PDB file of N, CA and C in Angstrom:
ATOM      1  N   MET A   1      -1.500  -3.548  14.030  1.00  0.00           N
ATOM      2  CA  MET A   1      -1.585  -2.753  12.195  1.00  0.00           C
ATOM      3  C   MET A   1      -2.837  -2.725  12.535  1.00  0.00           C
ATOM      4  N   GLY A   2      -2.800  -0.968  11.680  1.00  0.00           N
ATOM      5  CA  GLY A   2      -3.980  -1.084  11.687  1.00  0.00           C
ATOM      6  C   GLY A   2      -4.678  -1.395  10.142  1.00  0.00           C
ATOM      7  N   VAL A   3      -6.381  -1.181  10.311  1.00  0.00           N
ATOM      8  CA  VAL A   3      -6.613  -1.311   8.681  1.00  0.00           C
ATOM      9  C   VAL A   3      -5.932  -0.176   7.753  1.00  0.00           C
ATOM     10  N   SER A   4      -5.879   0.853   8.039  1.00  0.00           N
ATOM     11  CA  SER A   4      -5.300   1.309   6.746  1.00  0.00           C
ATOM     12  C   SER A   4      -4.060   1.069   6.488  1.00  0.00           C
ATOM     13  N   THR A   5      -3.238   0.941   7.872  1.00  0.00           N
ATOM     14  CA  THR A   5      -1.348   0.937   7.200  1.00  0.00           C
ATOM     15  C   THR A   5      -1.934  -1.626   6.315  1.00  0.00           C
ATOM     16  N   ARG A   6      -2.596  -2.401   6.996  1.00  0.00           N
ATOM     17  CA  ARG A   6      -2.265  -2.852   5.736  1.00  0.00           C
ATOM     18  C   ARG A   6      -3.506  -3.370   4.572  1.00  0.00           C
ATOM     19  N   MET A   7      -4.366  -2.036   4.242  1.00  0.00           N
ATOM     20  CA  MET A   7      -4.150  -1.919   3.121  1.00  0.00           C
ATOM     21  C   MET A   7      -3.132  -1.594   1.920  1.00  0.00           C
ATOM     22  N   SER A   8      -2.751  -0.688   3.013  1.00  0.00           N
ATOM     23  CA  SER A   8      -1.326   0.710   2.206  1.00  0.00           C
ATOM     24  C   SER A   8      -0.535  -0.792   2.069  1.00  0.00           C
ATOM     25  N   ILE A   9      -0.494  -1.503   2.246  1.00  0.00           N
ATOM     26  CA  ILE A   9       0.510  -2.990   2.271  1.00  0.00           C
ATOM     27  C   ILE A   9       0.206  -4.110   0.682  1.00  0.00           C
ATOM     28  N   VAL A  10      -1.355  -4.019   1.083  1.00  0.00           N
ATOM     29  CA  VAL A  10      -2.362  -4.225   0.257  1.00  0.00           C
ATOM     30  C   VAL A  10      -1.817  -3.547  -1.254  1.00  0.00           C
ATOM     31  N   GLU A  11      -2.305  -2.590  -1.291  1.00  0.00           N
ATOM     32  CA  GLU A  11      -2.279  -1.151  -2.229  1.00  0.00           C
ATOM     33  C   GLU A  11      -1.127  -1.606  -3.205  1.00  0.00           C
ATOM     34  N   GLN A  12      -0.003  -1.681  -1.775  1.00  0.00           N
ATOM     35  CA  GLN A  12       1.410  -1.535  -2.201  1.00  0.00           C
ATOM     36  C   GLN A  12       2.326  -2.633  -3.437  1.00  0.00           C
ATOM     37  N   SER A  13       1.870  -3.932  -2.339  1.00  0.00           N
ATOM     38  CA  SER A  13       2.446  -5.014  -2.809  1.00  0.00           C
ATOM     39  C   SER A  13       1.564  -5.378  -4.448  1.00  0.00           C
ATOM     40  N   LEU A  14       0.096  -4.903  -4.321  1.00  0.00           N
ATOM     41  CA  LEU A  14       0.076  -4.899  -5.864  1.00  0.00           C
ATOM     42  C   LEU A  14       0.462  -3.996  -6.841  1.00  0.00           C
ATOM     43  N   ALA A  15       0.519  -3.369  -6.354  1.00  0.00           N
ATOM     44  CA  ALA A  15       1.010  -2.782  -7.327  1.00  0.00           C
ATOM     45  C   ALA A  15       3.019  -2.740  -7.609  1.00  0.00           C
ATOM     46  N   ASP A  16       3.855  -3.525  -6.836  1.00  0.00           N
ATOM     47  CA  ASP A  16       4.119  -4.192  -6.929  1.00  0.00           C
ATOM     48  C   ASP A  16       4.787  -5.193  -8.148  1.00  0.00           C
ATOM     49  N   SER A  17       3.752  -5.499  -7.294  1.00  0.00           N
ATOM     50  CA  SER A  17       3.956  -7.444  -8.447  1.00  0.00           C
ATOM     51  C   SER A  17       3.107  -6.557 -10.084  1.00  0.00           C
ATOM     52  N   LEU A  18       1.942  -6.155  -9.803  1.00  0.00           N
ATOM     53  CA  LEU A  18       1.882  -5.645 -11.185  1.00  0.00           C
ATOM     54  C   LEU A  18       3.466  -4.150 -12.262  1.00  0.00           C
ATOM     55  N   GLU A  19       3.801  -4.092 -11.784  1.00  0.00           N
ATOM     56  CA  GLU A  19       5.199  -3.573 -11.976  1.00  0.00           C
ATOM     57  C   GLU A  19       6.074  -4.788 -12.875  1.00  0.00           C
ATOM     58  N   ARG A  20       6.338  -5.665 -11.824  1.00  0.00           N
ATOM     59  CA  ARG A  20       7.645  -6.539 -11.703  1.00  0.00           C
ATOM     60  C   ARG A  20       6.849  -7.968 -13.042  1.00  0.00           C
ATOM     61  N   LEU A  21       5.610  -8.000 -13.171  1.00  0.00           N
ATOM     62  CA  LEU A  21       5.485  -8.680 -14.219  1.00  0.00           C
ATOM     63  C   LEU A  21       5.359  -8.734 -15.517  1.00  0.00           C
ATOM     64  N   ARG A  22       4.619  -6.532 -15.611  1.00  0.00           N
ATOM     65  CA  ARG A  22       5.293  -6.041 -16.850  1.00  0.00           C
ATOM     66  C   ARG A  22       6.610  -6.185 -17.382  1.00  0.00           C
ATOM     67  N   GLU A  23       7.403  -5.904 -16.458  1.00  0.00           N
ATOM     68  CA  GLU A  23       8.866  -6.352 -17.003  1.00  0.00           C
ATOM     69  C   GLU A  23       8.864  -7.725 -17.668  1.00  0.00           C
ATOM     70  N   LEU A  24       8.754  -8.605 -17.273  1.00  0.00           N
ATOM     71  CA  LEU A  24       8.134 -10.353 -17.718  1.00  0.00           C
ATOM     72  C   LEU A  24       7.742 -10.864 -18.657  1.00  0.00           C
ATOM     73  N   PRO A  25       8.054 -11.713 -19.532  1.00  0.00           N
ATOM     74  CA  PRO A  25       7.973 -12.018 -20.692  1.00  0.00           C
ATOM     75  C   PRO A  25       6.468 -12.400 -21.187  1.00  0.00           C
ATOM     76  N   SER A  26       6.002 -12.753 -22.160  1.00  0.00           N
ATOM     77  CA  SER A  26       3.969 -12.802 -21.951  1.00  0.00           C
ATOM     78  C   SER A  26       4.083 -14.652 -22.469  1.00  0.00           C
ATOM     79  N   MET A  27       3.715 -15.254 -21.297  1.00  0.00           N
ATOM     80  CA  MET A  27       3.701 -16.711 -21.229  1.00  0.00           C
ATOM     81  C   MET A  27       2.757 -16.744 -20.210  1.00  0.00           C
ATOM     82  N   PRO A  28       1.498 -18.158 -20.837  1.00  0.00           N
ATOM     83  CA  PRO A  28       0.468 -18.678 -19.346  1.00  0.00           C
ATOM     84  C   PRO A  28       0.841 -17.791 -17.993  1.00  0.00           C
ATOM     85  N   ARG A  29       1.441 -18.060 -17.612  1.00  0.00           N
ATOM     86  CA  ARG A  29       1.670 -18.651 -15.617  1.00  0.00           C
ATOM     87  C   ARG A  29       1.782 -17.064 -15.689  1.00  0.00           C
ATOM     88  N   VAL A  30       2.645 -16.062 -16.521  1.00  0.00           N
ATOM     89  CA  VAL A  30       2.940 -14.921 -16.048  1.00  0.00           C
ATOM     90  C   VAL A  30       0.984 -13.909 -16.095  1.00  0.00           C
ATOM     91  N   ARG A  31       0.971 -14.457 -17.026  1.00  0.00           N
ATOM     92  CA  ARG A  31       0.020 -13.552 -17.088  1.00  0.00           C
ATOM     93  C   ARG A  31      -1.411 -13.854 -16.365  1.00  0.00           C
ATOM     94  N   GLU A  32      -1.606 -15.478 -15.818  1.00  0.00           N
ATOM     95  CA  GLU A  32      -2.679 -15.412 -14.850  1.00  0.00           C
ATOM     96  C   GLU A  32      -2.312 -14.836 -13.714  1.00  0.00           C
ATOM     97  N   LEU A  33      -1.278 -14.885 -13.307  1.00  0.00           N
ATOM     98  CA  LEU A  33      -0.417 -13.977 -11.869  1.00  0.00           C
ATOM     99  C   LEU A  33      -0.878 -12.170 -12.157  1.00  0.00           C
ATOM    100  N   ARG A  34      -0.508 -11.833 -14.107  1.00  0.00           N
ATOM    101  CA  ARG A  34      -1.112 -10.785 -14.088  1.00  0.00           C
ATOM    102  C   ARG A  34      -3.230 -10.404 -14.084  1.00  0.00           C
ATOM    103  N   ASN A  35      -3.741 -11.442 -14.250  1.00  0.00           N
ATOM    104  CA  ASN A  35      -5.141 -11.357 -14.299  1.00  0.00           C
ATOM    105  C   ASN A  35      -4.935 -11.354 -12.693  1.00  0.00           C
ATOM    106  N   ARG A  36      -4.576 -12.125 -11.630  1.00  0.00           N
ATOM    107  CA  ARG A  36      -5.067 -12.541 -10.383  1.00  0.00           C
ATOM    108  C   ARG A  36      -4.944 -11.358  -9.453  1.00  0.00           C
ATOM    109  N   ALA A  37      -3.335 -10.303  -9.540  1.00  0.00           N
ATOM    110  CA  ALA A  37      -3.453  -8.749  -9.728  1.00  0.00           C
ATOM    111  C   ALA A  37      -4.513  -8.159  -9.858  1.00  0.00           C
ATOM    112  N   LEU A  38      -4.636  -8.158 -10.822  1.00  0.00           N
ATOM    113  CA  LEU A  38      -5.430  -7.457 -11.849  1.00  0.00           C
ATOM    114  C   LEU A  38      -7.155  -7.440 -11.047  1.00  0.00           C
ATOM    115  N   ALA A  39      -8.234  -8.312  -9.975  1.00  0.00           N
ATOM    116  CA  ALA A  39      -8.238  -8.400  -9.963  1.00  0.00           C
ATOM    117  C   ALA A  39      -8.841  -8.363  -8.730  1.00  0.00           C
ATOM    118  N   TYR A  40      -7.288  -8.838  -8.002  1.00  0.00           N
ATOM    119  CA  TYR A  40      -7.042  -7.869  -6.067  1.00  0.00           C
ATOM    120  C   TYR A  40      -7.602  -6.773  -5.721  1.00  0.00           C
ATOM    121  N   ASP A  41      -6.474  -5.656  -6.989  1.00  0.00           N
ATOM    122  CA  ASP A  41      -6.536  -4.274  -6.827  1.00  0.00           C
ATOM    123  C   ASP A  41      -8.468  -4.409  -8.099  1.00  0.00           C
ATOM    124  N   ARG A  42      -8.730  -5.004  -8.293  1.00  0.00           N
ATOM    125  CA  ARG A  42     -10.679  -4.598  -8.800  1.00  0.00           C
ATOM    126  C   ARG A  42     -11.634  -4.458  -7.119  1.00  0.00           C
ATOM    127  N   ALA A  43     -11.183  -5.626  -6.697  1.00  0.00           N
ATOM    128  CA  ALA A  43     -11.302  -6.103  -4.804  1.00  0.00           C
ATOM    129  C   ALA A  43     -11.469  -5.215  -4.388  1.00  0.00           C
ATOM    130  N   VAL A  44     -10.001  -4.317  -4.154  1.00  0.00           N
ATOM    131  CA  VAL A  44     -10.281  -3.377  -3.504  1.00  0.00           C
ATOM    132  C   VAL A  44     -10.667  -1.772  -3.525  1.00  0.00           C
ATOM    133  N   ARG A  45      -9.533  -1.366  -4.764  1.00  0.00           N
ATOM    134  CA  ARG A  45     -11.056  -0.328  -5.447  1.00  0.00           C
ATOM    135  C   ARG A  45     -12.893  -0.649  -5.072  1.00  0.00           C
ATOM    136  N   SER A  46     -13.115  -1.317  -5.078  1.00  0.00           N
ATOM    137  CA  SER A  46     -14.165  -1.791  -4.682  1.00  0.00           C
ATOM    138  C   SER A  46     -15.050  -0.965  -3.205  1.00  0.00           C
ATOM    139  N   TRP A  47     -13.982  -1.591  -2.532  1.00  0.00           N
ATOM    140  CA  TRP A  47     -14.505  -1.772  -0.878  1.00  0.00           C
ATOM    141  C   TRP A  47     -13.728  -0.726  -0.262  1.00  0.00           C
ATOM    142  N   VAL A  48     -14.319   0.810  -1.742  1.00  0.00           N
ATOM    143  CA  VAL A  48     -14.683   2.364  -1.129  1.00  0.00           C
ATOM    144  C   VAL A  48     -15.596   2.442  -0.951  1.00  0.00           C
ATOM    145  N   ARG A  49     -16.020   1.435  -1.824  1.00  0.00           N
ATOM    146  CA  ARG A  49     -17.963   2.293  -1.886  1.00  0.00           C
ATOM    147  C   ARG A  49     -18.901   1.287  -0.824  1.00  0.00           C
ATOM    148  N   SER A  50     -18.581  -0.245  -0.897  1.00  0.00           N
ATOM    149  CA  SER A  50     -18.489  -1.214   0.352  1.00  0.00           C
ATOM    150  C   SER A  50     -17.315  -1.809   0.645  1.00  0.00           C
ATOM    151  N   PRO A  51     -17.492  -1.125   2.118  1.00  0.00           N
ATOM    152  CA  PRO A  51     -15.999  -1.966   3.009  1.00  0.00           C
ATOM    153  C   PRO A  51     -16.444  -3.543   3.406  1.00  0.00           C
ATOM    154  N   PRO A  52     -15.008  -4.240   3.672  1.00  0.00           N
ATOM    155  CA  PRO A  52     -15.113  -5.542   3.607  1.00  0.00           C
ATOM    156  C   PRO A  52     -15.307  -5.544   4.936  1.00  0.00           C
ATOM    157  N   SER A  53     -15.695  -7.074   5.536  1.00  0.00           N
ATOM    158  CA  SER A  53     -15.484  -7.441   6.902  1.00  0.00           C
ATOM    159  C   SER A  53     -14.143  -7.800   6.681  1.00  0.00           C
ATOM    160  N   ASP A  54     -13.876  -8.404   8.498  1.00  0.00           N
ATOM    161  CA  ASP A  54     -12.653  -8.571   8.534  1.00  0.00           C
ATOM    162  C   ASP A  54     -12.039  -9.371   7.549  1.00  0.00           C
ATOM    163  N   GLU A  55     -12.831 -10.521   8.065  1.00  0.00           N
ATOM    164  CA  GLU A  55     -12.917 -11.533   6.781  1.00  0.00           C
ATOM    165  C   GLU A  55     -12.085 -11.962   6.034  1.00  0.00           C
ATOM    166  N   GLN A  56     -12.644 -11.034   5.237  1.00  0.00           N
ATOM    167  CA  GLN A  56     -12.706 -10.477   3.724  1.00  0.00           C
ATOM    168  C   GLN A  56     -11.203  -9.566   3.384  1.00  0.00           C
ATOM    169  N   ARG A  57     -11.378  -8.906   4.161  1.00  0.00           N
ATOM    170  CA  ARG A  57      -9.609  -7.920   4.561  1.00  0.00           C
ATOM    171  C   ARG A  57      -8.896  -9.141   4.607  1.00  0.00           C
ATOM    172  N   SER A  58      -8.787 -10.632   4.783  1.00  0.00           N
ATOM    173  CA  SER A  58      -7.857 -10.349   5.519  1.00  0.00           C
ATOM    174  C   SER A  58      -7.702 -11.583   4.453  1.00  0.00           C
ATOM    175  N   ALA A  59      -7.985 -12.469   4.481  1.00  0.00           N
ATOM    176  CA  ALA A  59      -8.079 -13.165   3.378  1.00  0.00           C
ATOM    177  C   ALA A  59      -7.755 -12.562   1.938  1.00  0.00           C
ATOM    178  N   LEU A  60      -7.886 -11.044   1.426  1.00  0.00           N
ATOM    179  CA  LEU A  60      -7.403 -10.392   0.056  1.00  0.00           C
ATOM    180  C   LEU A  60      -5.766 -10.356   0.681  1.00  0.00           C
ATOM    181  N   VAL A  61      -5.936  -9.758   2.516  1.00  0.00           N
ATOM    182  CA  VAL A  61      -4.135  -9.640   2.367  1.00  0.00           C
ATOM    183  C   VAL A  61      -3.421 -11.191   2.496  1.00  0.00           C
ATOM    184  N   ARG A  62      -4.008 -12.341   2.674  1.00  0.00           N
ATOM    185  CA  ARG A  62      -3.447 -13.668   2.399  1.00  0.00           C
ATOM    186  C   ARG A  62      -2.943 -13.906   1.152  1.00  0.00           C
ATOM    187  N   LEU A  63      -3.994 -13.382   0.312  1.00  0.00           N
ATOM    188  CA  LEU A  63      -4.011 -13.555  -1.950  1.00  0.00           C
ATOM    189  C   LEU A  63      -3.235 -12.365  -2.272  1.00  0.00           C
ATOM    190  N   VAL A  64      -3.266 -11.472  -1.603  1.00  0.00           N
ATOM    191  CA  VAL A  64      -1.813 -10.699  -2.010  1.00  0.00           C
ATOM    192  C   VAL A  64      -0.328 -11.061  -1.962  1.00  0.00           C
ATOM    193  N   LEU A  65      -0.756 -11.193  -0.798  1.00  0.00           N
ATOM    194  CA  LEU A  65       1.397 -11.289   0.326  1.00  0.00           C
ATOM    195  C   LEU A  65       1.300 -13.227  -1.074  1.00  0.00           C
ATOM    196  N   ASP A  66       0.767 -13.945  -0.771  1.00  0.00           N
ATOM    197  CA  ASP A  66       1.023 -15.772  -1.789  1.00  0.00           C
ATOM    198  C   ASP A  66       0.860 -14.665  -3.579  1.00  0.00           C
ATOM    199  N   LEU A  67       0.487 -14.127  -4.063  1.00  0.00           N
ATOM    200  CA  LEU A  67       1.043 -13.343  -5.036  1.00  0.00           C
ATOM    201  C   LEU A  67       2.098 -13.181  -5.368  1.00  0.00           C
ATOM    202  N   ASN A  68       2.299 -12.375  -4.211  1.00  0.00           N
ATOM    203  CA  ASN A  68       3.842 -11.517  -4.957  1.00  0.00           C
ATOM    204  C   ASN A  68       4.468 -12.746  -3.715  1.00  0.00           C
ATOM    205  N   MET A  69       4.972 -13.884  -3.308  1.00  0.00           N
ATOM    206  CA  MET A  69       5.818 -14.340  -3.284  1.00  0.00           C
ATOM    207  C   MET A  69       5.565 -15.568  -4.721  1.00  0.00           C
ATOM    208  N   GLU A  70       4.969 -15.415  -5.478  1.00  0.00           N
ATOM    209  CA  GLU A  70       4.558 -16.582  -6.553  1.00  0.00           C
ATOM    210  C   GLU A  70       5.309 -15.405  -7.717  1.00  0.00           C
ATOM    211  N   VAL A  71       5.458 -14.272  -7.130  1.00  0.00           N
ATOM    212  CA  VAL A  71       5.596 -13.142  -8.796  1.00  0.00           C
ATOM    213  C   VAL A  71       6.897 -13.171  -8.483  1.00  0.00           C
ATOM    214  N   MET A  72       7.279 -12.824  -7.541  1.00  0.00           N
ATOM    215  CA  MET A  72       9.150 -13.300  -7.360  1.00  0.00           C
ATOM    216  C   MET A  72       9.324 -14.361  -7.582  1.00  0.00           C
ATOM    217  N   GLU A  73       8.901 -15.800  -6.978  1.00  0.00           N
ATOM    218  CA  GLU A  73       8.996 -17.105  -8.223  1.00  0.00           C
ATOM    219  C   GLU A  73       9.456 -16.395  -9.162  1.00  0.00           C
ATOM    220  N   VAL A  74       8.415 -16.156 -10.184  1.00  0.00           N
ATOM    221  CA  VAL A  74       9.037 -16.412 -11.589  1.00  0.00           C
ATOM    222  C   VAL A  74       9.799 -15.968 -11.871  1.00  0.00           C
ATOM    223  N   GLY A  75       9.940 -14.188 -11.480  1.00  0.00           N
ATOM    224  CA  GLY A  75      11.032 -13.912 -11.606  1.00  0.00           C
ATOM    225  C   GLY A  75      12.372 -13.865 -11.439  1.00  0.00           C
ATOM    226  N   ARG A  76      12.230 -14.970 -10.559  1.00  0.00           N
ATOM    227  CA  ARG A  76      13.564 -15.377 -10.257  1.00  0.00           C
ATOM    228  C   ARG A  76      13.691 -16.972 -11.349  1.00  0.00           C
ATOM    229  N   GLU A  77      13.116 -17.137 -11.759  1.00  0.00           N
ATOM    230  CA  GLU A  77      12.575 -18.757 -12.906  1.00  0.00           C
ATOM    231  C   GLU A  77      12.975 -17.786 -13.973  1.00  0.00           C
ATOM    232  N   GLN A  78      12.826 -16.541 -14.415  1.00  0.00           N
ATOM    233  CA  GLN A  78      12.792 -15.844 -15.851  1.00  0.00           C
ATOM    234  C   GLN A  78      14.913 -15.203 -15.950  1.00  0.00           C
ATOM    235  N   ARG A  79      15.068 -15.230 -14.793  1.00  0.00           N
ATOM    236  CA  ARG A  79      16.575 -14.397 -14.475  1.00  0.00           C
ATOM    237  C   ARG A  79      17.952 -15.778 -15.142  1.00  0.00           C
ATOM    238  N   ASP A  80      16.591 -17.140 -13.758  1.00  0.00           N
ATOM    239  CA  ASP A  80      18.247 -18.005 -14.097  1.00  0.00           C
ATOM    240  C   ASP A  80      17.730 -18.716 -15.801  1.00  0.00           C
TER     241      ASP A  80
END
């Protein structure tokens, strides 16, 4: 998987997470996840000016995938 493919996955994952979070009631856990998603999004956008190292990129991919799982979990909890 190339760098651009990984970054596309990260960007889409962040967009999906933010959309799901917008649909959930505002509560502390949702706000915390939204703040993390926005911080990760800012990091990705900053890489246009200053490309990350491979380690930074890999770390953000893991963080975003973990965030996505947490968002899905919170969504399931809200439906139950």
